[in-house]
């Protein structure tokens, strides 16, 4: 069933310190800073930082909330995104394994799953990541002085969800969202949408004995993964379809300034967002100057001084916004 979902839109996680997060994603991983803004929900001012590939494409956008100042904590477990996968070119895994080991974010081991080489690494807040080799990804990575085009991160490859009940979660993915089962490798089963491949893949990791993790905003936890649809027309259709299948915990449409969103708590526990691709990140700054300054949505601008004052000062390196 084609519901208009085109692949992964973004992944949003809880970091700890704001500068620590900036240094990790722009320095260690070599992503482009594409947006500095704030969390739209709640009462405490908290950054919302966006990172992406060279063209800031949907399907490459990692977003984070640095929660250290707010003191938000949680517990890892099932019902969460366990690992966020990023695509790198063929033969690049060894480069990243050595790099992350040298920087203290990994053990330096290259692994293999589904016939693809990968290197696992961890954000300072404890978030799990891996780079996965896939020569079929045509997207352009952001480059820095020590990360060249032939190894740069292209965007998301996949997300791996830890779940206790894979049967009901598989039904949600296939009947609810239109994914197709691709293959199984050990505890991991891959599902693809819109042809599958980089940016169009979700893995279910069967961990029936793992204790349930918490779902709140927290340091070191993925808050949600988002799938992309073109417009609110497809978004509304997905909402009606999910509710018709009995997945009634679907939110109303929320204005996130750069896209519109609905959210559904999946039966496995992972929060899944459906986000539109029709607005984009250049509505409040040019494509050439993305991420250079803190921007607030129009409804927050009258409160700028109040919102900005308690935020941890950050310095975004020039190489993360301009070539």
C-alpha atoms as a PDB file:
ATOM      1  CA  UNK A   1       0.000   0.000   0.000  1.00  0.00           C
ATOM      2  CA  UNK A   2       1.416   3.384  -1.047  1.00  0.00           C
ATOM      3  CA  UNK A   3       0.543   6.022   1.549  1.00  0.00           C
ATOM      4  CA  UNK A   4       2.954   8.589   0.143  1.00  0.00           C
ATOM      5  CA  UNK A   5       5.713   7.969   2.694  1.00  0.00           C
ATOM      6  CA  UNK A   6       9.029   8.547   0.931  1.00  0.00           C
ATOM      7  CA  UNK A   7      11.517   7.492   3.609  1.00  0.00           C
ATOM      8  CA  UNK A   8      13.142   8.851   6.756  1.00  0.00           C
ATOM      9  CA  UNK A   9      12.633  12.572   7.362  1.00  0.00           C
ATOM     10  CA  UNK A  10      14.725  13.111  10.516  1.00  0.00           C
ATOM     11  CA  UNK A  11      15.718  11.578  13.835  1.00  0.00           C
ATOM     12  CA  UNK A  12      15.473  13.567  17.075  1.00  0.00           C
ATOM     13  CA  UNK A  13      17.497  12.675  20.171  1.00  0.00           C
ATOM     14  CA  UNK A  14      18.337  13.982  23.610  1.00  0.00           C
ATOM     15  CA  UNK A  15      21.916  15.164  24.022  1.00  0.00           C
ATOM     16  CA  UNK A  16      23.577  16.443  27.200  1.00  0.00           C
ATOM     17  CA  UNK A  17      25.673  19.607  26.846  1.00  0.00           C
ATOM     18  CA  UNK A  18      24.968  21.902  23.900  1.00  0.00           C
ATOM     19  CA  UNK A  19      28.591  22.676  22.998  1.00  0.00           C
ATOM     20  CA  UNK A  20      29.496  19.015  23.455  1.00  0.00           C
ATOM     21  CA  UNK A  21      26.769  18.138  20.952  1.00  0.00           C
ATOM     22  CA  UNK A  22      27.911  20.739  18.423  1.00  0.00           C
ATOM     23  CA  UNK A  23      31.505  19.555  18.675  1.00  0.00           C
ATOM     24  CA  UNK A  24      30.497  15.919  18.238  1.00  0.00           C
ATOM     25  CA  UNK A  25      28.287  16.272  15.172  1.00  0.00           C
ATOM     26  CA  UNK A  26      30.179  19.013  13.337  1.00  0.00           C
ATOM     27  CA  UNK A  27      33.672  17.972  14.411  1.00  0.00           C
ATOM     28  CA  UNK A  28      33.770  14.209  14.913  1.00  0.00           C
ATOM     29  CA  UNK A  29      31.004  13.206  12.457  1.00  0.00           C
ATOM     30  CA  UNK A  30      31.533  16.128  10.077  1.00  0.00           C
ATOM     31  CA  UNK A  31      27.907  17.112   9.546  1.00  0.00           C
ATOM     32  CA  UNK A  32      26.748  20.535   8.459  1.00  0.00           C
ATOM     33  CA  UNK A  33      25.009  22.736  11.025  1.00  0.00           C
ATOM     34  CA  UNK A  34      21.747  23.638   9.304  1.00  0.00           C
ATOM     35  CA  UNK A  35      19.588  25.159  12.018  1.00  0.00           C
ATOM     36  CA  UNK A  36      19.823  26.612  15.505  1.00  0.00           C
ATOM     37  CA  UNK A  37      16.456  27.068  17.160  1.00  0.00           C
ATOM     38  CA  UNK A  38      14.660  26.006  20.357  1.00  0.00           C
ATOM     39  CA  UNK A  39      12.251  23.359  21.604  1.00  0.00           C
ATOM     40  CA  UNK A  40       8.706  24.489  20.818  1.00  0.00           C
ATOM     41  CA  UNK A  41       7.068  22.425  23.600  1.00  0.00           C
ATOM     42  CA  UNK A  42       7.307  22.827  27.368  1.00  0.00           C
ATOM     43  CA  UNK A  43       8.240  25.701  29.649  1.00  0.00           C
ATOM     44  CA  UNK A  44      12.031  25.464  29.825  1.00  0.00           C
ATOM     45  CA  UNK A  45      14.169  27.130  27.123  1.00  0.00           C
ATOM     46  CA  UNK A  46      16.144  24.346  25.412  1.00  0.00           C
ATOM     47  CA  UNK A  47      18.071  24.390  22.141  1.00  0.00           C
ATOM     48  CA  UNK A  48      16.866  22.424  19.144  1.00  0.00           C
ATOM     49  CA  UNK A  49      19.910  21.891  16.917  1.00  0.00           C
ATOM     50  CA  UNK A  50      19.752  20.495  13.373  1.00  0.00           C
ATOM     51  CA  UNK A  51      22.602  18.852  11.437  1.00  0.00           C
ATOM     52  CA  UNK A  52      22.609  17.445   7.904  1.00  0.00           C
ATOM     53  CA  UNK A  53      24.455  16.709   4.679  1.00  0.00           C
ATOM     54  CA  UNK A  54      25.775  19.144   2.079  1.00  0.00           C
ATOM     55  CA  UNK A  55      22.348  20.071   0.696  1.00  0.00           C
ATOM     56  CA  UNK A  56      20.540  19.808   4.053  1.00  0.00           C
ATOM     57  CA  UNK A  57      18.295  17.182   2.491  1.00  0.00           C
ATOM     58  CA  UNK A  58      15.309  15.554   4.101  1.00  0.00           C
ATOM     59  CA  UNK A  59      16.581  12.132   5.158  1.00  0.00           C
ATOM     60  CA  UNK A  60      19.903  13.474   6.392  1.00  0.00           C
ATOM     61  CA  UNK A  61      18.689  15.658   9.250  1.00  0.00           C
ATOM     62  CA  UNK A  62      19.778  14.747  12.776  1.00  0.00           C
ATOM     63  CA  UNK A  63      18.197  16.974  15.406  1.00  0.00           C
ATOM     64  CA  UNK A  64      19.026  17.180  19.090  1.00  0.00           C
ATOM     65  CA  UNK A  65      17.797  18.712  22.318  1.00  0.00           C
ATOM     66  CA  UNK A  66      20.665  19.319  24.796  1.00  0.00           C
ATOM     67  CA  UNK A  67      18.953  18.477  28.093  1.00  0.00           C
ATOM     68  CA  UNK A  68      21.817  18.773  30.598  1.00  0.00           C
ATOM     69  CA  UNK A  69      20.740  22.193  31.901  1.00  0.00           C
ATOM     70  CA  UNK A  70      17.118  21.054  32.234  1.00  0.00           C
ATOM     71  CA  UNK A  71      18.216  17.883  34.033  1.00  0.00           C
ATOM     72  CA  UNK A  72      15.989  15.563  31.991  1.00  0.00           C
ATOM     73  CA  UNK A  73      17.056  11.923  32.388  1.00  0.00           C
ATOM     74  CA  UNK A  74      15.597   8.542  31.419  1.00  0.00           C
ATOM     75  CA  UNK A  75      16.370   4.838  31.096  1.00  0.00           C
ATOM     76  CA  UNK A  76      17.528   2.951  28.025  1.00  0.00           C
ATOM     77  CA  UNK A  77      15.605  -0.174  27.074  1.00  0.00           C
ATOM     78  CA  UNK A  78      13.233  -1.712  24.584  1.00  0.00           C
ATOM     79  CA  UNK A  79      10.611   0.417  22.906  1.00  0.00           C
ATOM     80  CA  UNK A  80      13.259   2.844  21.722  1.00  0.00           C
ATOM     81  CA  UNK A  81      15.442   3.523  18.712  1.00  0.00           C
ATOM     82  CA  UNK A  82      18.598   1.633  19.665  1.00  0.00           C
ATOM     83  CA  UNK A  83      20.943   2.713  16.878  1.00  0.00           C
ATOM     84  CA  UNK A  84      20.802   5.415  14.224  1.00  0.00           C
ATOM     85  CA  UNK A  85      22.543   4.360  11.016  1.00  0.00           C
ATOM     86  CA  UNK A  86      24.354   6.788   8.693  1.00  0.00           C
ATOM     87  CA  UNK A  87      25.397   5.975   5.136  1.00  0.00           C
ATOM     88  CA  UNK A  88      29.034   6.245   4.107  1.00  0.00           C
ATOM     89  CA  UNK A  89      30.662   5.191   0.810  1.00  0.00           C
ATOM     90  CA  UNK A  90      32.055   1.718   0.177  1.00  0.00           C
ATOM     91  CA  UNK A  91      35.367   1.054   1.930  1.00  0.00           C
ATOM     92  CA  UNK A  92      34.847   3.990   4.346  1.00  0.00           C
ATOM     93  CA  UNK A  93      33.973   1.972   7.487  1.00  0.00           C
ATOM     94  CA  UNK A  94      37.624   1.391   8.395  1.00  0.00           C
ATOM     95  CA  UNK A  95      38.328   5.133   8.251  1.00  0.00           C
ATOM     96  CA  UNK A  96      35.451   5.830  10.636  1.00  0.00           C
ATOM     97  CA  UNK A  97      36.291   2.970  12.992  1.00  0.00           C
ATOM     98  CA  UNK A  98      39.836   4.290  13.379  1.00  0.00           C
ATOM     99  CA  UNK A  99      38.656   7.907  13.665  1.00  0.00           C
ATOM    100  CA  UNK A 100      36.059   7.244  16.348  1.00  0.00           C
ATOM    101  CA  UNK A 101      38.498   5.062  18.307  1.00  0.00           C
ATOM    102  CA  UNK A 102      41.092   7.837  18.227  1.00  0.00           C
ATOM    103  CA  UNK A 103      38.506  10.379  19.373  1.00  0.00           C
ATOM    104  CA  UNK A 104      37.254   8.105  22.156  1.00  0.00           C
ATOM    105  CA  UNK A 105      33.789   7.346  20.764  1.00  0.00           C
ATOM    106  CA  UNK A 106      34.262   3.683  19.719  1.00  0.00           C
ATOM    107  CA  UNK A 107      36.395   0.563  20.042  1.00  0.00           C
ATOM    108  CA  UNK A 108      37.584   0.662  16.446  1.00  0.00           C
ATOM    109  CA  UNK A 109      35.935  -2.595  15.373  1.00  0.00           C
ATOM    110  CA  UNK A 110      34.409  -2.961  11.888  1.00  0.00           C
ATOM    111  CA  UNK A 111      31.341  -5.219  11.912  1.00  0.00           C
ATOM    112  CA  UNK A 112      29.135  -6.663   9.167  1.00  0.00           C
ATOM    113  CA  UNK A 113      25.356  -7.076   8.925  1.00  0.00           C
ATOM    114  CA  UNK A 114      23.201  -7.822   5.880  1.00  0.00           C
ATOM    115  CA  UNK A 115      26.448  -8.068   3.909  1.00  0.00           C
ATOM    116  CA  UNK A 116      27.392  -4.447   4.650  1.00  0.00           C
ATOM    117  CA  UNK A 117      30.377  -3.276   6.659  1.00  0.00           C
ATOM    118  CA  UNK A 118      29.656  -0.926   9.544  1.00  0.00           C
ATOM    119  CA  UNK A 119      31.342   0.802  12.469  1.00  0.00           C
ATOM    120  CA  UNK A 120      29.485   1.439  15.724  1.00  0.00           C
ATOM    121  CA  UNK A 121      30.164   4.593  17.750  1.00  0.00           C
ATOM    122  CA  UNK A 122      28.567   6.528  20.603  1.00  0.00           C
ATOM    123  CA  UNK A 123      27.623  10.134  21.224  1.00  0.00           C
ATOM    124  CA  UNK A 124      29.039  11.553  24.498  1.00  0.00           C
ATOM    125  CA  UNK A 125      25.491  11.375  25.926  1.00  0.00           C
ATOM    126  CA  UNK A 126      25.379   7.627  25.183  1.00  0.00           C
ATOM    127  CA  UNK A 127      23.346   7.638  21.972  1.00  0.00           C
ATOM    128  CA  UNK A 128      24.131   4.691  19.697  1.00  0.00           C
ATOM    129  CA  UNK A 129      25.176   5.281  16.080  1.00  0.00           C
ATOM    130  CA  UNK A 130      26.785   3.360  13.257  1.00  0.00           C
ATOM    131  CA  UNK A 131      28.134   4.235   9.850  1.00  0.00           C
ATOM    132  CA  UNK A 132      27.058   1.719   7.206  1.00  0.00           C
ATOM    133  CA  UNK A 133      28.746   1.306   3.832  1.00  0.00           C
ATOM    134  CA  UNK A 134      26.335   1.582   0.908  1.00  0.00           C
ATOM    135  CA  UNK A 135      27.609   2.450  -2.561  1.00  0.00           C
ATOM    136  CA  UNK A 136      24.066   3.047  -3.850  1.00  0.00           C
ATOM    137  CA  UNK A 137      23.578   6.306  -1.928  1.00  0.00           C
ATOM    138  CA  UNK A 138      23.936   9.251  -4.380  1.00  0.00           C
ATOM    139  CA  UNK A 139      23.649  12.054  -1.806  1.00  0.00           C
ATOM    140  CA  UNK A 140      26.542  14.436  -1.146  1.00  0.00           C
ATOM    141  CA  UNK A 141      28.207  14.572   2.249  1.00  0.00           C
ATOM    142  CA  UNK A 142      29.483  17.697   3.976  1.00  0.00           C
ATOM    143  CA  UNK A 143      33.273  17.821   4.049  1.00  0.00           C
ATOM    144  CA  UNK A 144      35.814  19.271   6.457  1.00  0.00           C
ATOM    145  CA  UNK A 145      39.590  19.554   6.526  1.00  0.00           C
ATOM    146  CA  UNK A 146      39.928  15.924   7.675  1.00  0.00           C
ATOM    147  CA  UNK A 147      36.751  14.360   6.239  1.00  0.00           C
ATOM    148  CA  UNK A 148      36.883  14.125   2.461  1.00  0.00           C
ATOM    149  CA  UNK A 149      34.142  13.388  -0.063  1.00  0.00           C
ATOM    150  CA  UNK A 150      35.135   9.739  -0.415  1.00  0.00           C
ATOM    151  CA  UNK A 151      34.323   9.018   3.258  1.00  0.00           C
ATOM    152  CA  UNK A 152      31.800  11.741   4.218  1.00  0.00           C
ATOM    153  CA  UNK A 153      28.396  10.864   5.702  1.00  0.00           C
ATOM    154  CA  UNK A 154      25.652  10.960   3.043  1.00  0.00           C
ATOM    155  CA  UNK A 155      22.606  10.972   5.320  1.00  0.00           C
ATOM    156  CA  UNK A 156      20.568   8.388   7.182  1.00  0.00           C
ATOM    157  CA  UNK A 157      20.844   4.792   6.168  1.00  0.00           C
ATOM    158  CA  UNK A 158      18.375   3.319   8.672  1.00  0.00           C
ATOM    159  CA  UNK A 159      17.155   3.279  12.238  1.00  0.00           C
ATOM    160  CA  UNK A 160      17.228   0.130  14.377  1.00  0.00           C
ATOM    161  CA  UNK A 161      14.395  -0.184  16.900  1.00  0.00           C
ATOM    162  CA  UNK A 162      14.649  -2.403  19.974  1.00  0.00           C
ATOM    163  CA  UNK A 163      11.279  -4.118  20.553  1.00  0.00           C
ATOM    164  CA  UNK A 164       9.957  -6.937  22.713  1.00  0.00           C
ATOM    165  CA  UNK A 165       7.097  -7.912  20.359  1.00  0.00           C
ATOM    166  CA  UNK A 166       8.318  -7.933  16.761  1.00  0.00           C
ATOM    167  CA  UNK A 167       5.065  -9.370  15.381  1.00  0.00           C
ATOM    168  CA  UNK A 168       2.856  -6.434  16.287  1.00  0.00           C
ATOM    169  CA  UNK A 169       5.561  -3.911  15.427  1.00  0.00           C
ATOM    170  CA  UNK A 170       5.995  -5.554  12.017  1.00  0.00           C
ATOM    171  CA  UNK A 171       2.246  -5.201  11.436  1.00  0.00           C
ATOM    172  CA  UNK A 172       2.487  -1.513  12.281  1.00  0.00           C
ATOM    173  CA  UNK A 173       5.319  -1.013   9.782  1.00  0.00           C
ATOM    174  CA  UNK A 174       3.792  -3.051   6.947  1.00  0.00           C
ATOM    175  CA  UNK A 175       0.023  -2.595   7.250  1.00  0.00           C
ATOM    176  CA  UNK A 176       0.183   0.774   8.964  1.00  0.00           C
ATOM    177  CA  UNK A 177       2.973   2.547   7.095  1.00  0.00           C
ATOM    178  CA  UNK A 178       3.563   0.556   3.916  1.00  0.00           C
ATOM    179  CA  UNK A 179       6.978  -0.970   4.622  1.00  0.00           C
ATOM    180  CA  UNK A 180       7.979  -4.308   3.093  1.00  0.00           C
ATOM    181  CA  UNK A 181      10.017  -6.961   4.888  1.00  0.00           C
ATOM    182  CA  UNK A 182      13.432  -7.299   3.210  1.00  0.00           C
ATOM    183  CA  UNK A 183      15.609  -9.761   5.161  1.00  0.00           C
ATOM    184  CA  UNK A 184      16.647 -11.069   8.581  1.00  0.00           C
ATOM    185  CA  UNK A 185      20.166 -11.265   9.998  1.00  0.00           C
ATOM    186  CA  UNK A 186      20.248 -12.635  13.544  1.00  0.00           C
ATOM    187  CA  UNK A 187      18.054 -10.499  15.796  1.00  0.00           C
ATOM    188  CA  UNK A 188      17.744  -7.801  13.116  1.00  0.00           C
ATOM    189  CA  UNK A 189      14.971  -7.742  10.497  1.00  0.00           C
ATOM    190  CA  UNK A 190      15.011  -5.081   7.811  1.00  0.00           C
ATOM    191  CA  UNK A 191      11.991  -3.355   6.329  1.00  0.00           C
ATOM    192  CA  UNK A 192      12.102  -1.002   3.370  1.00  0.00           C
ATOM    193  CA  UNK A 193       9.760   1.615   1.960  1.00  0.00           C
ATOM    194  CA  UNK A 194       9.606   3.332  -1.436  1.00  0.00           C
ATOM    195  CA  UNK A 195      12.082   0.802  -2.831  1.00  0.00           C
ATOM    196  CA  UNK A 196      14.181   0.528   0.333  1.00  0.00           C
ATOM    197  CA  UNK A 197      17.888   1.244   0.629  1.00  0.00           C
ATOM    198  CA  UNK A 198      19.626   4.257   2.212  1.00  0.00           C
ATOM    199  CA  UNK A 199      17.214   6.576   3.994  1.00  0.00           C
ATOM    200  CA  UNK A 200      14.329   4.180   3.378  1.00  0.00           C
ATOM    201  CA  UNK A 201      15.108   1.394   5.848  1.00  0.00           C
ATOM    202  CA  UNK A 202      13.984   0.475   9.358  1.00  0.00           C
ATOM    203  CA  UNK A 203      15.321  -2.473  11.354  1.00  0.00           C
ATOM    204  CA  UNK A 204      13.494  -4.241  14.148  1.00  0.00           C
ATOM    205  CA  UNK A 205      15.845  -5.687  16.756  1.00  0.00           C
ATOM    206  CA  UNK A 206      14.158  -8.537  18.627  1.00  0.00           C
ATOM    207  CA  UNK A 207      14.993  -8.183  22.327  1.00  0.00           C
ATOM    208  CA  UNK A 208      12.101  -9.863  24.167  1.00  0.00           C
ATOM    209  CA  UNK A 209      13.931  -9.987  27.509  1.00  0.00           C
ATOM    210  CA  UNK A 210      15.080  -6.371  27.503  1.00  0.00           C
ATOM    211  CA  UNK A 211      13.295  -4.173  30.010  1.00  0.00           C
ATOM    212  CA  UNK A 212      11.075  -1.386  28.741  1.00  0.00           C
ATOM    213  CA  UNK A 213      12.857   1.938  28.400  1.00  0.00           C
ATOM    214  CA  UNK A 214      11.351   5.306  29.248  1.00  0.00           C
ATOM    215  CA  UNK A 215       9.718   7.568  26.668  1.00  0.00           C
ATOM    216  CA  UNK A 216      10.191  11.076  28.030  1.00  0.00           C
ATOM    217  CA  UNK A 217      12.560  13.783  26.863  1.00  0.00           C
ATOM    218  CA  UNK A 218      15.930  12.668  28.223  1.00  0.00           C
ATOM    219  CA  UNK A 219      19.677  12.807  27.772  1.00  0.00           C
ATOM    220  CA  UNK A 220      21.016   9.862  25.794  1.00  0.00           C
ATOM    221  CA  UNK A 221      17.672   8.677  24.389  1.00  0.00           C
ATOM    222  CA  UNK A 222      16.190   8.985  20.906  1.00  0.00           C
ATOM    223  CA  UNK A 223      12.902  10.829  21.351  1.00  0.00           C
ATOM    224  CA  UNK A 224      11.412   9.935  17.964  1.00  0.00           C
ATOM    225  CA  UNK A 225      12.113   9.024  14.379  1.00  0.00           C
ATOM    226  CA  UNK A 226      10.260  10.827  11.614  1.00  0.00           C
ATOM    227  CA  UNK A 227       9.083   9.579   8.235  1.00  0.00           C
ATOM    228  CA  UNK A 228       8.568  11.949   5.324  1.00  0.00           C
ATOM    229  CA  UNK A 229       5.468  12.704   3.270  1.00  0.00           C
ATOM    230  CA  UNK A 230       5.172  15.443   0.625  1.00  0.00           C
ATOM    231  CA  UNK A 231       2.336  17.502   2.132  1.00  0.00           C
ATOM    232  CA  UNK A 232      -0.450  17.613   4.696  1.00  0.00           C
ATOM    233  CA  UNK A 233      -2.671  15.794   2.189  1.00  0.00           C
ATOM    234  CA  UNK A 234      -0.637  12.588   2.529  1.00  0.00           C
ATOM    235  CA  UNK A 235      -0.116  13.247   6.237  1.00  0.00           C
ATOM    236  CA  UNK A 236      -3.847  13.405   6.879  1.00  0.00           C
ATOM    237  CA  UNK A 237      -4.358  10.201   4.894  1.00  0.00           C
ATOM    238  CA  UNK A 238      -1.715   8.393   6.980  1.00  0.00           C
ATOM    239  CA  UNK A 239      -3.405   9.579  10.175  1.00  0.00           C
ATOM    240  CA  UNK A 240      -6.806   8.294   9.045  1.00  0.00           C
ATOM    241  CA  UNK A 241      -5.302   4.996   7.899  1.00  0.00           C
ATOM    242  CA  UNK A 242      -3.509   4.377  11.214  1.00  0.00           C
ATOM    243  CA  UNK A 243      -6.598   5.233  13.225  1.00  0.00           C
ATOM    244  CA  UNK A 244      -8.657   2.918  11.056  1.00  0.00           C
ATOM    245  CA  UNK A 245      -6.293   0.042  11.903  1.00  0.00           C
ATOM    246  CA  UNK A 246      -6.723   0.719  15.607  1.00  0.00           C
ATOM    247  CA  UNK A 247      -3.631   2.836  16.210  1.00  0.00           C
ATOM    248  CA  UNK A 248      -5.656   5.652  17.705  1.00  0.00           C
ATOM    249  CA  UNK A 249      -2.849   7.440  19.541  1.00  0.00           C
ATOM    250  CA  UNK A 250      -2.164   9.810  16.646  1.00  0.00           C
ATOM    251  CA  UNK A 251      -1.745  13.516  17.395  1.00  0.00           C
ATOM    252  CA  UNK A 252      -3.267  16.438  15.600  1.00  0.00           C
ATOM    253  CA  UNK A 253      -1.059  18.329  13.121  1.00  0.00           C
ATOM    254  CA  UNK A 254       1.610  20.456  14.836  1.00  0.00           C
ATOM    255  CA  UNK A 255       3.425  23.384  13.233  1.00  0.00           C
ATOM    256  CA  UNK A 256       7.188  22.863  13.556  1.00  0.00           C
ATOM    257  CA  UNK A 257       7.959  25.915  11.366  1.00  0.00           C
ATOM    258  CA  UNK A 258      10.159  23.954   8.920  1.00  0.00           C
ATOM    259  CA  UNK A 259       7.606  21.150   8.507  1.00  0.00           C
ATOM    260  CA  UNK A 260       4.250  20.063   9.888  1.00  0.00           C
ATOM    261  CA  UNK A 261       4.052  16.940  12.029  1.00  0.00           C
ATOM    262  CA  UNK A 262       1.827  14.285  13.512  1.00  0.00           C
ATOM    263  CA  UNK A 263       3.002  11.729  16.060  1.00  0.00           C
ATOM    264  CA  UNK A 264       1.982   8.143  16.795  1.00  0.00           C
ATOM    265  CA  UNK A 265       3.163   5.911  19.630  1.00  0.00           C
ATOM    266  CA  UNK A 266       3.864   2.615  17.873  1.00  0.00           C
ATOM    267  CA  UNK A 267       2.861  -0.717  19.486  1.00  0.00           C
ATOM    268  CA  UNK A 268       6.553  -1.441  20.082  1.00  0.00           C
ATOM    269  CA  UNK A 269       6.868   1.813  22.026  1.00  0.00           C
ATOM    270  CA  UNK A 270       8.895   3.905  19.572  1.00  0.00           C
ATOM    271  CA  UNK A 271       7.393   7.328  18.868  1.00  0.00           C
ATOM    272  CA  UNK A 272       6.983   7.750  15.100  1.00  0.00           C
ATOM    273  CA  UNK A 273       6.438  11.133  13.515  1.00  0.00           C
ATOM    274  CA  UNK A 274       5.061  11.795  10.047  1.00  0.00           C
ATOM    275  CA  UNK A 275       6.571  15.075   8.804  1.00  0.00           C
ATOM    276  CA  UNK A 276       5.947  17.054   5.624  1.00  0.00           C
ATOM    277  CA  UNK A 277       8.700  17.894   3.149  1.00  0.00           C
ATOM    278  CA  UNK A 278       7.079  20.925   1.542  1.00  0.00           C
ATOM    279  CA  UNK A 279       8.379  23.789   3.719  1.00  0.00           C
ATOM    280  CA  UNK A 280      12.092  23.267   4.317  1.00  0.00           C
ATOM    281  CA  UNK A 281      14.897  24.985   6.199  1.00  0.00           C
ATOM    282  CA  UNK A 282      15.355  28.024   3.951  1.00  0.00           C
ATOM    283  CA  UNK A 283      12.195  29.863   4.995  1.00  0.00           C
ATOM    284  CA  UNK A 284      14.040  32.025   7.542  1.00  0.00           C
ATOM    285  CA  UNK A 285      17.617  32.045   6.218  1.00  0.00           C
ATOM    286  CA  UNK A 286      19.203  31.412   2.830  1.00  0.00           C
ATOM    287  CA  UNK A 287      20.495  27.982   1.832  1.00  0.00           C
ATOM    288  CA  UNK A 288      24.034  29.386   1.789  1.00  0.00           C
ATOM    289  CA  UNK A 289      23.798  30.629   5.381  1.00  0.00           C
ATOM    290  CA  UNK A 290      21.932  27.841   7.133  1.00  0.00           C
ATOM    291  CA  UNK A 291      22.742  27.335  10.805  1.00  0.00           C
ATOM    292  CA  UNK A 292      24.763  30.487  11.346  1.00  0.00           C
ATOM    293  CA  UNK A 293      22.564  32.082  14.031  1.00  0.00           C
ATOM    294  CA  UNK A 294      19.855  31.284  16.543  1.00  0.00           C
ATOM    295  CA  UNK A 295      16.422  31.554  14.953  1.00  0.00           C
ATOM    296  CA  UNK A 296      13.041  31.485  16.662  1.00  0.00           C
ATOM    297  CA  UNK A 297       9.623  30.825  15.160  1.00  0.00           C
ATOM    298  CA  UNK A 298       7.501  33.967  14.701  1.00  0.00           C
ATOM    299  CA  UNK A 299       5.369  33.218  17.741  1.00  0.00           C
ATOM    300  CA  UNK A 300       8.472  33.130  19.993  1.00  0.00           C
ATOM    301  CA  UNK A 301      10.193  36.282  18.695  1.00  0.00           C
ATOM    302  CA  UNK A 302       8.478  38.655  21.175  1.00  0.00           C
ATOM    303  CA  UNK A 303      10.025  36.544  23.975  1.00  0.00           C
ATOM    304  CA  UNK A 304      13.528  36.275  22.469  1.00  0.00           C
ATOM    305  CA  UNK A 305      15.406  37.856  25.393  1.00  0.00           C
ATOM    306  CA  UNK A 306      13.570  35.671  27.917  1.00  0.00           C
ATOM    307  CA  UNK A 307      14.182  32.480  25.900  1.00  0.00           C
ATOM    308  CA  UNK A 308      17.814  33.074  24.965  1.00  0.00           C
ATOM    309  CA  UNK A 309      19.116  34.293  28.351  1.00  0.00           C
ATOM    310  CA  UNK A 310      19.280  30.895  30.140  1.00  0.00           C
ATOM    311  CA  UNK A 311      20.667  28.924  27.175  1.00  0.00           C
ATOM    312  CA  UNK A 312      24.221  27.584  27.336  1.00  0.00           C
ATOM    313  CA  UNK A 313      26.393  29.738  25.049  1.00  0.00           C
ATOM    314  CA  UNK A 314      27.639  27.776  22.038  1.00  0.00           C
ATOM    315  CA  UNK A 315      30.225  28.399  19.350  1.00  0.00           C
ATOM    316  CA  UNK A 316      29.548  26.828  15.956  1.00  0.00           C
ATOM    317  CA  UNK A 317      32.797  26.436  13.980  1.00  0.00           C
ATOM    318  CA  UNK A 318      32.864  28.233  10.648  1.00  0.00           C
ATOM    319  CA  UNK A 319      33.640  24.992   8.790  1.00  0.00           C
ATOM    320  CA  UNK A 320      30.247  23.633   9.919  1.00  0.00           C
ATOM    321  CA  UNK A 321      28.247  26.321   8.106  1.00  0.00           C
ATOM    322  CA  UNK A 322      30.381  27.606   5.219  1.00  0.00           C
ATOM    323  CA  UNK A 323      32.844  26.007   2.809  1.00  0.00           C
END
